[in-house]
Protein backbone atom coordinates (compact mmCIF):
# COMPACT_ATOMS: atom_id res chain seq x y z
CA UNK A 1 20.14 2.62 20.23
CA UNK A 2 17.72 0.16 21.85
CA UNK A 3 14.27 -0.45 20.96
CA UNK A 4 11.59 1.78 22.54
CA UNK A 5 9.97 0.29 25.60
CA UNK A 6 6.21 1.39 24.76
CA UNK A 7 6.01 1.59 21.19
CA UNK A 8 7.92 0.98 17.62
CA UNK A 9 8.58 3.62 14.93
CA UNK A 10 8.11 2.46 11.54
CA UNK A 11 9.10 4.20 8.05
CA UNK A 12 6.97 3.90 4.99
CA UNK A 13 9.24 3.83 1.82
CA UNK A 14 7.82 4.81 -1.36
CA UNK A 15 8.84 2.83 -4.62
CA UNK A 16 10.48 5.79 -6.21
CA UNK A 17 12.82 6.19 -3.60
CA UNK A 18 13.77 2.67 -3.25
CA UNK A 19 14.54 2.37 -7.14
CA UNK A 20 16.76 5.37 -6.54
CA UNK A 21 19.01 3.79 -4.47
CA UNK A 22 22.06 2.89 -6.56
CA UNK A 23 24.73 2.39 -3.78
CA UNK A 24 23.38 0.67 -0.78
CA UNK A 25 26.71 1.39 1.19
CA UNK A 26 26.18 5.19 0.94
CA UNK A 27 22.62 4.49 1.70
CA UNK A 28 23.61 2.86 4.94
CA UNK A 29 25.81 5.90 5.80
CA UNK A 30 22.87 7.96 5.37
CA UNK A 31 20.78 5.85 7.06
CA UNK A 32 23.06 5.72 10.03
CA UNK A 33 22.53 9.51 10.39
CA UNK A 34 18.60 8.83 10.83
CA UNK A 35 19.26 6.04 13.54
CA UNK A 36 21.55 8.42 15.60
CA UNK A 37 18.02 10.25 16.33
CA UNK A 38 15.37 7.61 16.13
CA UNK A 39 15.34 3.67 16.60
CA UNK A 40 13.73 2.24 13.31
CA UNK A 41 12.02 -0.94 14.17
CA UNK A 42 10.32 -1.64 10.98
CA UNK A 43 9.99 -0.57 7.27
CA UNK A 44 7.15 -1.00 4.84
CA UNK A 45 8.86 -1.33 1.48
CA UNK A 46 6.68 -0.05 -1.21
CA UNK A 47 6.53 -2.24 -4.53
CA UNK A 48 4.19 -0.33 -6.50
CA UNK A 49 2.90 3.21 -7.06
CA UNK A 50 2.07 5.64 -9.89
CA UNK A 51 2.19 2.76 -12.49
CA UNK A 52 5.81 2.01 -11.27
CA UNK A 53 6.52 -1.50 -10.16
CA UNK A 54 10.01 -2.25 -8.60
CA UNK A 55 12.40 -4.83 -9.97
CA UNK A 56 12.65 -8.22 -7.93
CA UNK A 57 16.59 -7.81 -7.57
CA UNK A 58 16.08 -4.15 -6.25
CA UNK A 59 13.40 -4.87 -3.53
CA UNK A 60 15.41 -8.03 -2.51
CA UNK A 61 18.71 -5.71 -2.06
CA UNK A 62 16.51 -3.61 0.00
CA UNK A 63 14.97 -6.34 2.11
CA UNK A 64 18.52 -7.69 2.83
CA UNK A 65 19.87 -4.21 3.80
CA UNK A 66 17.15 -3.54 6.38
CA UNK A 67 17.36 -7.14 7.77
CA UNK A 68 21.01 -7.00 8.26
CA UNK A 69 20.44 -4.01 10.53
CA UNK A 70 17.78 -6.10 12.60
CA UNK A 71 14.87 -4.07 11.19
CA UNK A 72 11.60 -5.74 10.23
CA UNK A 73 10.30 -5.60 6.72
CA UNK A 74 7.08 -5.67 5.37
CA UNK A 75 5.34 -4.78 1.86
CA UNK A 76 3.42 -1.78 0.66
CA UNK A 77 1.06 -1.27 -2.24
CA UNK A 78 -0.37 1.98 -3.35
CA UNK A 79 -3.09 1.47 -5.53
CA UNK A 80 -3.09 4.41 -7.68
CA UNK A 81 -2.30 5.11 -11.68
CA UNK A 82 0.17 7.18 -13.60
CA UNK A 83 -0.41 11.06 -12.48
CA UNK A 84 -2.38 12.98 -15.07
CA UNK A 85 -1.01 16.46 -14.11
CA UNK A 86 -4.31 17.70 -12.56
CA UNK A 87 -3.16 17.42 -9.24
CA UNK A 88 -5.71 15.37 -7.92
CA UNK A 89 -5.81 11.67 -6.98
CA UNK A 90 -5.62 9.11 -9.71
CA UNK A 91 -7.06 5.79 -8.36
CA UNK A 92 -7.10 2.69 -10.31
CA UNK A 93 -10.39 1.80 -12.50
CA UNK A 94 -11.70 -1.23 -10.84
CA UNK A 95 -13.98 -2.28 -13.72
CA UNK A 96 -10.92 -2.25 -16.33
CA UNK A 97 -9.89 -5.85 -16.75
CA UNK A 98 -6.36 -4.78 -17.58
CA UNK A 99 -5.57 -2.80 -14.51
CA UNK A 100 -7.38 -5.46 -12.36
CA UNK A 101 -4.86 -8.11 -13.99
CA UNK A 102 -1.94 -5.44 -13.32
CA UNK A 103 -3.07 -5.06 -9.69
CA UNK A 104 -3.14 -8.99 -9.09
CA UNK A 105 0.33 -9.42 -10.64
CA UNK A 106 1.54 -6.54 -8.11
CA UNK A 107 -0.05 -8.44 -5.29
CA UNK A 108 1.12 -11.88 -6.09
CA UNK A 109 4.56 -10.32 -6.63
CA UNK A 110 4.21 -8.58 -3.32
CA UNK A 111 3.24 -11.48 -1.25
CA UNK A 112 6.04 -13.92 -2.63
CA UNK A 113 8.43 -11.37 -0.79
CA UNK A 114 6.61 -10.51 2.27
CA UNK A 115 4.76 -12.07 5.10
CA UNK A 116 2.68 -8.94 5.82
CA UNK A 117 1.54 -6.25 3.19
CA UNK A 118 -0.03 -3.01 3.85
CA UNK A 119 -2.30 -1.12 1.12
CA UNK A 120 -1.99 2.47 1.37
CA UNK A 121 -4.60 4.74 1.99
CA UNK A 122 -5.21 5.25 -1.85
CA UNK A 123 -7.25 2.08 -2.06
CA UNK A 124 -10.42 4.00 -2.98
CA UNK A 125 -12.10 4.72 -6.28
CA UNK A 126 -13.73 7.94 -7.67
CA UNK A 127 -13.79 6.75 -11.40
CA UNK A 128 -16.53 7.86 -13.42
CA UNK A 129 -15.48 6.29 -16.99
CA UNK A 130 -17.90 4.76 -19.19
CA UNK A 131 -17.33 1.30 -17.69
CA UNK A 132 -17.92 2.50 -14.36
CA UNK A 133 -20.89 4.28 -15.36
CA UNK A 134 -22.28 1.06 -16.99
CA UNK A 135 -21.47 -1.04 -14.16
CA UNK A 136 -22.80 1.30 -11.79
CA UNK A 137 -26.46 1.01 -13.34
CA UNK A 138 -29.40 2.53 -11.06
CA UNK A 139 -27.42 2.45 -7.68
CA UNK A 140 -25.76 5.39 -6.21
CA UNK A 141 -22.15 6.09 -6.48
CA UNK A 142 -21.71 5.16 -2.89
CA UNK A 143 -23.53 1.86 -3.01
CA UNK A 144 -21.77 0.58 -6.40
CA UNK A 145 -18.36 1.47 -5.12
CA UNK A 146 -18.69 -0.06 -1.69
CA UNK A 147 -19.80 -3.21 -3.46
CA UNK A 148 -17.19 -3.00 -6.14
CA UNK A 149 -14.25 -2.27 -3.60
CA UNK A 150 -15.63 -5.54 -1.59
CA UNK A 151 -15.47 -7.74 -4.69
CA UNK A 152 -12.11 -6.37 -5.65
CA UNK A 153 -10.67 -6.86 -2.02
CA UNK A 154 -11.91 -10.45 -2.11
CA UNK A 155 -11.03 -11.63 -5.64
CA UNK A 156 -8.19 -9.21 -6.81
CA UNK A 157 -6.03 -8.78 -3.61
CA UNK A 158 -6.85 -11.16 -0.74
CA UNK A 159 -7.25 -14.27 -2.88
CA UNK A 160 -4.36 -13.94 -5.11
CA UNK A 161 -2.00 -13.17 -2.13
CA UNK A 162 -3.24 -15.98 0.26
CA UNK A 163 -2.67 -18.59 -2.97
CA UNK A 164 0.79 -17.16 -3.26
CA UNK A 165 1.74 -16.90 0.38
CA UNK A 166 -1.07 -18.67 2.65
CA UNK A 167 0.53 -17.11 5.74
CA UNK A 168 0.70 -13.35 4.41
CA UNK A 169 -1.10 -10.82 6.58
CA UNK A 170 -2.93 -8.49 4.73
CA UNK A 171 -3.61 -4.81 6.08
CA UNK A 172 -5.71 -1.88 4.73
CA UNK A 173 -5.02 1.40 5.77
CA UNK A 174 -7.78 4.08 6.04
CA UNK A 175 -7.22 7.62 6.00
CA UNK A 176 -8.91 10.37 8.12
CA UNK A 177 -11.42 11.37 5.54
CA UNK A 178 -14.46 10.15 7.68
CA UNK A 179 -17.24 11.83 5.71
CA UNK A 180 -16.06 10.59 2.08
CA UNK A 181 -15.65 6.92 3.20
CA UNK A 182 -18.51 5.34 1.49
CA UNK A 183 -18.51 8.06 -1.66
CA UNK A 184 -14.90 6.57 -2.42
CA UNK A 185 -15.88 2.92 -1.67
CA UNK A 186 -13.99 2.72 1.64
CA UNK A 187 -16.32 -0.32 3.21
CA UNK A 188 -15.43 -0.48 6.68
CA UNK A 189 -18.08 -3.14 7.82
CA UNK A 190 -17.04 -5.41 5.12
CA UNK A 191 -13.26 -4.70 4.43
CA UNK A 192 -12.41 -5.06 8.26
CA UNK A 193 -13.50 -8.67 8.04
CA UNK A 194 -11.85 -9.21 4.72
CA UNK A 195 -8.42 -8.23 5.59
CA UNK A 196 -6.22 -9.27 8.22
CA UNK A 197 -5.88 -6.18 10.02
CA UNK A 198 -6.69 -2.30 9.68
CA UNK A 199 -4.32 0.58 10.13
CA UNK A 200 -4.97 4.45 10.54
CA UNK A 201 -4.07 7.47 12.35
CA UNK A 202 -0.49 6.92 13.64
CA UNK A 203 1.64 8.72 10.81
CA UNK A 204 3.61 11.74 10.62
CA UNK A 205 3.87 13.28 7.04
CA UNK A 206 5.64 16.41 8.01
CA UNK A 207 7.65 16.64 11.37
CA UNK A 208 6.90 20.54 11.63
CA UNK A 209 3.24 20.31 11.42
CA UNK A 210 2.09 16.88 12.56
């Protein structure tokens, strides 16, 4: 199947799905079924989500698999923490030094493998732990989180990524939660300048409804 004329179709591959591939020959046969119906031009291969980081050997196998099929590969990172079982969002705590170090490690690892990385739209914070309350001081939660995420973007994500791979293109993906952007630390004014590109509004989650 040839590429589409006016657009490209991309697939975002969560880290759990990539880790679950134990036989790439069998996976290839299953992927053939997908390509009978849609021409995939690009895949985003996720390296981290829910506290799980993929092993280098496994992600390299996935990269080779798609490149051999002529499919462009980019990296993906979902900046959340282990599911607490409550059914809500579990973003990282960006005032926790250990979590910041962990995120830097993930970013550097991913930048060593890809020339383009997208941050999934979990790149926000609603943390109200004691550390965040102390750091907030007399600011509103929106003010505190906007300033915090600007600093994290520059020092924990962009800086380390560019040091490892100066040509890496960093993309921030925004969700369609417009009224909650500031309260969750989404900073469109500054982050659109800090990151190399922004991405939003072109995904399909459920083929029946969207």
